[in-house]
């Protein structure tokens, strides 16, 4: 974990679409939202959200980012050398 401006940020390495799906599902449930509710708040279809949570590899990146922003995620790219791998 990193501390930036006194805000705790958890860092997670995402390697597959399934990793993104798991992360989104977990955060949605933590916020007590149904898939239909989150889809509406994110301005995406509920089918899209189901596929996103299942880790479908061909989802639309822009819509996935909308969902992630709605859940409060901040994405920061890190090179492999910067990730210690």
N, C-alpha and C. Protein backbone atom coordinates (compact mmCIF):
# COMPACT_ATOMS: atom_id res chain seq x y z
N UNK A 1 0.83 -1.18 0.00
CA UNK A 1 0.00 0.00 0.00
C UNK A 1 0.87 1.24 0.00
N UNK A 2 0.37 2.27 -0.62
CA UNK A 2 1.09 3.52 -0.78
C UNK A 2 0.31 4.63 -0.10
N UNK A 3 1.00 5.56 0.46
CA UNK A 3 0.34 6.71 1.05
C UNK A 3 0.71 7.95 0.25
N UNK A 4 -0.28 8.58 -0.34
CA UNK A 4 -0.06 9.78 -1.13
C UNK A 4 -1.02 10.85 -0.60
N UNK A 5 -0.46 11.97 -0.18
CA UNK A 5 -1.27 13.06 0.37
C UNK A 5 -2.23 12.57 1.44
N UNK A 6 -1.74 11.68 2.28
CA UNK A 6 -2.49 11.13 3.40
C UNK A 6 -3.72 10.32 2.99
N UNK A 7 -3.79 9.94 1.74
CA UNK A 7 -4.88 9.09 1.27
C UNK A 7 -4.31 7.71 1.00
N UNK A 8 -4.89 6.70 1.62
CA UNK A 8 -4.40 5.35 1.42
C UNK A 8 -4.90 4.82 0.08
N UNK A 9 -3.98 4.35 -0.71
CA UNK A 9 -4.32 3.77 -2.00
C UNK A 9 -3.85 2.33 -2.02
N UNK A 10 -4.75 1.43 -2.35
CA UNK A 10 -4.36 0.05 -2.50
C UNK A 10 -3.95 -0.16 -3.94
N UNK A 11 -2.86 -0.86 -4.12
CA UNK A 11 -2.36 -1.12 -5.47
C UNK A 11 -2.60 -2.58 -5.80
N UNK A 12 -3.22 -2.82 -6.94
CA UNK A 12 -3.50 -4.17 -7.39
C UNK A 12 -2.97 -4.31 -8.81
N UNK A 13 -2.24 -5.35 -9.06
CA UNK A 13 -1.75 -5.64 -10.41
C UNK A 13 -2.84 -6.41 -11.14
N UNK A 14 -3.27 -5.88 -12.27
CA UNK A 14 -4.30 -6.50 -13.10
C UNK A 14 -3.59 -7.15 -14.29
N UNK A 15 -3.79 -8.44 -14.45
CA UNK A 15 -3.13 -9.14 -15.55
C UNK A 15 -4.10 -9.66 -16.60
N UNK A 16 -5.37 -9.86 -16.22
CA UNK A 16 -6.33 -10.44 -17.16
C UNK A 16 -7.67 -9.72 -17.05
N UNK A 17 -8.52 -9.86 -18.07
CA UNK A 17 -9.88 -9.31 -17.98
C UNK A 17 -10.66 -9.91 -16.79
N UNK A 18 -10.38 -11.15 -16.47
CA UNK A 18 -11.05 -11.77 -15.32
C UNK A 18 -10.67 -11.08 -14.01
N UNK A 19 -9.43 -10.60 -13.91
CA UNK A 19 -9.00 -9.84 -12.73
C UNK A 19 -9.83 -8.56 -12.58
N UNK A 20 -10.06 -7.88 -13.71
CA UNK A 20 -10.87 -6.66 -13.69
C UNK A 20 -12.30 -6.99 -13.26
N UNK A 21 -12.84 -8.06 -13.82
CA UNK A 21 -14.20 -8.46 -13.49
C UNK A 21 -14.37 -8.77 -12.01
N UNK A 22 -13.42 -9.50 -11.45
CA UNK A 22 -13.47 -9.83 -10.02
C UNK A 22 -13.41 -8.57 -9.17
N UNK A 23 -12.54 -7.66 -9.54
CA UNK A 23 -12.38 -6.42 -8.80
C UNK A 23 -13.66 -5.59 -8.83
N UNK A 24 -14.27 -5.48 -9.99
CA UNK A 24 -15.51 -4.72 -10.13
C UNK A 24 -16.64 -5.37 -9.33
N UNK A 25 -16.78 -6.67 -9.45
CA UNK A 25 -17.83 -7.36 -8.69
C UNK A 25 -17.65 -7.15 -7.18
N UNK A 26 -16.42 -7.29 -6.71
CA UNK A 26 -16.13 -7.13 -5.28
C UNK A 26 -16.50 -5.72 -4.81
N UNK A 27 -16.08 -4.71 -5.56
CA UNK A 27 -16.36 -3.32 -5.17
C UNK A 27 -17.85 -3.02 -5.24
N UNK A 28 -18.54 -3.55 -6.25
CA UNK A 28 -19.98 -3.35 -6.38
C UNK A 28 -20.70 -3.91 -5.16
N UNK A 29 -20.32 -5.11 -4.76
CA UNK A 29 -20.96 -5.74 -3.60
C UNK A 29 -20.64 -5.00 -2.31
N UNK A 30 -19.40 -4.50 -2.18
CA UNK A 30 -19.04 -3.70 -1.00
C UNK A 30 -19.92 -2.46 -0.89
N UNK A 31 -20.34 -1.92 -2.03
CA UNK A 31 -21.17 -0.73 -2.05
C UNK A 31 -22.66 -1.06 -2.05
N UNK A 32 -22.97 -2.35 -1.89
CA UNK A 32 -24.36 -2.83 -1.80
C UNK A 32 -25.19 -2.42 -3.01
N UNK A 33 -24.60 -2.58 -4.19
CA UNK A 33 -25.29 -2.27 -5.44
C UNK A 33 -25.58 -3.55 -6.19
N UNK A 34 -26.74 -3.60 -6.84
CA UNK A 34 -27.02 -4.71 -7.74
C UNK A 34 -26.37 -4.39 -9.08
N UNK A 35 -26.29 -5.39 -9.94
CA UNK A 35 -25.74 -5.15 -11.27
C UNK A 35 -26.60 -4.14 -12.03
N UNK A 36 -27.90 -4.25 -11.89
CA UNK A 36 -28.81 -3.33 -12.59
C UNK A 36 -28.61 -1.90 -12.09
N UNK A 37 -28.46 -1.73 -10.77
CA UNK A 37 -28.24 -0.40 -10.21
C UNK A 37 -26.93 0.21 -10.70
N UNK A 38 -25.85 -0.57 -10.65
CA UNK A 38 -24.56 -0.06 -11.09
C UNK A 38 -24.57 0.25 -12.58
N UNK A 39 -25.20 -0.59 -13.36
CA UNK A 39 -25.30 -0.34 -14.80
C UNK A 39 -25.99 0.99 -15.05
N UNK A 40 -27.09 1.25 -14.35
CA UNK A 40 -27.81 2.51 -14.52
C UNK A 40 -26.98 3.71 -14.10
N UNK A 41 -26.32 3.60 -12.97
CA UNK A 41 -25.47 4.71 -12.49
C UNK A 41 -24.30 4.98 -13.43
N UNK A 42 -23.83 3.94 -14.09
CA UNK A 42 -22.65 4.04 -14.97
C UNK A 42 -23.03 4.33 -16.42
N UNK A 43 -24.33 4.36 -16.71
CA UNK A 43 -24.82 4.59 -18.07
C UNK A 43 -24.34 3.52 -19.05
N UNK A 44 -24.40 2.27 -18.59
CA UNK A 44 -24.11 1.12 -19.47
C UNK A 44 -25.26 0.13 -19.31
N UNK A 45 -25.36 -0.81 -20.21
CA UNK A 45 -26.40 -1.82 -20.12
C UNK A 45 -26.07 -2.87 -19.07
N UNK A 46 -27.12 -3.49 -18.52
CA UNK A 46 -26.88 -4.51 -17.50
C UNK A 46 -26.18 -5.73 -18.10
N UNK A 47 -26.46 -6.05 -19.35
CA UNK A 47 -25.77 -7.17 -20.00
C UNK A 47 -24.27 -6.88 -20.09
N UNK A 48 -23.93 -5.63 -20.44
CA UNK A 48 -22.51 -5.24 -20.50
C UNK A 48 -21.85 -5.47 -19.15
N UNK A 49 -22.52 -5.05 -18.08
CA UNK A 49 -21.94 -5.20 -16.75
C UNK A 49 -21.75 -6.66 -16.37
N UNK A 50 -22.72 -7.49 -16.72
CA UNK A 50 -22.59 -8.93 -16.45
C UNK A 50 -21.36 -9.48 -17.17
N UNK A 51 -21.20 -9.13 -18.43
CA UNK A 51 -20.06 -9.61 -19.21
C UNK A 51 -18.74 -9.07 -18.67
N UNK A 52 -18.76 -7.81 -18.23
CA UNK A 52 -17.56 -7.21 -17.64
C UNK A 52 -17.14 -7.96 -16.39
N UNK A 53 -18.09 -8.24 -15.51
CA UNK A 53 -17.79 -8.97 -14.28
C UNK A 53 -17.35 -10.41 -14.55
N UNK A 54 -17.79 -10.97 -15.67
CA UNK A 54 -17.38 -12.33 -16.02
C UNK A 54 -15.98 -12.35 -16.65
N UNK A 55 -15.45 -11.18 -16.95
CA UNK A 55 -14.11 -11.11 -17.50
C UNK A 55 -14.04 -11.27 -19.01
N UNK A 56 -15.12 -10.91 -19.70
CA UNK A 56 -15.11 -11.01 -21.15
C UNK A 56 -13.98 -10.15 -21.72
N UNK A 57 -13.17 -10.74 -22.56
CA UNK A 57 -11.96 -10.08 -23.06
C UNK A 57 -12.23 -8.99 -24.09
N UNK A 58 -13.39 -9.00 -24.73
CA UNK A 58 -13.64 -8.06 -25.82
C UNK A 58 -14.59 -6.93 -25.45
N UNK A 59 -14.69 -6.60 -24.16
CA UNK A 59 -15.58 -5.52 -23.75
C UNK A 59 -15.04 -4.18 -24.24
N UNK A 60 -15.91 -3.18 -24.27
CA UNK A 60 -15.52 -1.83 -24.72
C UNK A 60 -14.80 -1.11 -23.58
N UNK A 61 -13.57 -0.72 -23.82
CA UNK A 61 -12.73 -0.12 -22.78
C UNK A 61 -13.35 1.15 -22.19
N UNK A 62 -13.90 2.00 -23.02
CA UNK A 62 -14.50 3.24 -22.52
C UNK A 62 -15.61 2.99 -21.52
N UNK A 63 -16.45 2.03 -21.82
CA UNK A 63 -17.54 1.69 -20.90
C UNK A 63 -17.01 1.06 -19.62
N UNK A 64 -15.99 0.24 -19.74
CA UNK A 64 -15.39 -0.37 -18.54
C UNK A 64 -14.82 0.71 -17.64
N UNK A 65 -14.19 1.72 -18.22
CA UNK A 65 -13.64 2.82 -17.44
C UNK A 65 -14.74 3.63 -16.77
N UNK A 66 -15.90 3.80 -17.44
CA UNK A 66 -17.04 4.49 -16.83
C UNK A 66 -17.47 3.77 -15.56
N UNK A 67 -17.58 2.46 -15.65
CA UNK A 67 -17.99 1.66 -14.49
C UNK A 67 -16.97 1.79 -13.38
N UNK A 68 -15.71 1.70 -13.72
CA UNK A 68 -14.66 1.78 -12.71
C UNK A 68 -14.64 3.16 -12.03
N UNK A 69 -14.83 4.22 -12.81
CA UNK A 69 -14.89 5.56 -12.21
C UNK A 69 -16.08 5.67 -11.27
N UNK A 70 -17.22 5.13 -11.66
CA UNK A 70 -18.42 5.19 -10.83
C UNK A 70 -18.18 4.49 -9.49
N UNK A 71 -17.38 3.44 -9.50
CA UNK A 71 -17.07 2.71 -8.27
C UNK A 71 -15.96 3.36 -7.45
N UNK A 72 -15.34 4.40 -8.01
CA UNK A 72 -14.31 5.13 -7.27
C UNK A 72 -12.89 4.69 -7.53
N UNK A 73 -12.69 3.92 -8.61
CA UNK A 73 -11.34 3.48 -8.93
C UNK A 73 -10.55 4.58 -9.62
N UNK A 74 -9.26 4.57 -9.36
CA UNK A 74 -8.31 5.43 -10.05
C UNK A 74 -7.26 4.50 -10.64
N UNK A 75 -7.00 4.64 -11.93
CA UNK A 75 -6.04 3.76 -12.60
C UNK A 75 -4.74 4.49 -12.86
N UNK A 76 -3.66 3.83 -12.54
CA UNK A 76 -2.33 4.38 -12.80
C UNK A 76 -1.48 3.31 -13.45
N UNK A 77 -1.08 3.52 -14.71
CA UNK A 77 -0.22 2.53 -15.36
C UNK A 77 1.16 2.49 -14.71
N UNK A 78 1.68 1.30 -14.57
CA UNK A 78 3.01 1.10 -14.01
C UNK A 78 3.76 0.13 -14.92
N UNK A 79 4.97 0.48 -15.31
CA UNK A 79 5.72 -0.43 -16.16
C UNK A 79 6.13 -1.65 -15.35
N UNK A 80 6.42 -2.74 -16.03
CA UNK A 80 6.84 -3.97 -15.33
C UNK A 80 8.04 -3.70 -14.46
N UNK A 81 8.98 -2.93 -14.94
CA UNK A 81 10.17 -2.64 -14.12
C UNK A 81 9.79 -1.87 -12.87
N UNK A 82 8.75 -1.01 -12.97
CA UNK A 82 8.28 -0.24 -11.82
C UNK A 82 7.46 -1.07 -10.86
N UNK A 83 6.96 -2.21 -11.33
CA UNK A 83 6.15 -3.07 -10.47
C UNK A 83 6.98 -4.13 -9.78
N UNK A 84 8.27 -4.11 -10.01
CA UNK A 84 9.14 -5.07 -9.35
C UNK A 84 9.08 -6.46 -9.92
N UNK A 85 8.73 -6.55 -11.21
CA UNK A 85 8.63 -7.88 -11.82
C UNK A 85 9.70 -8.07 -12.86
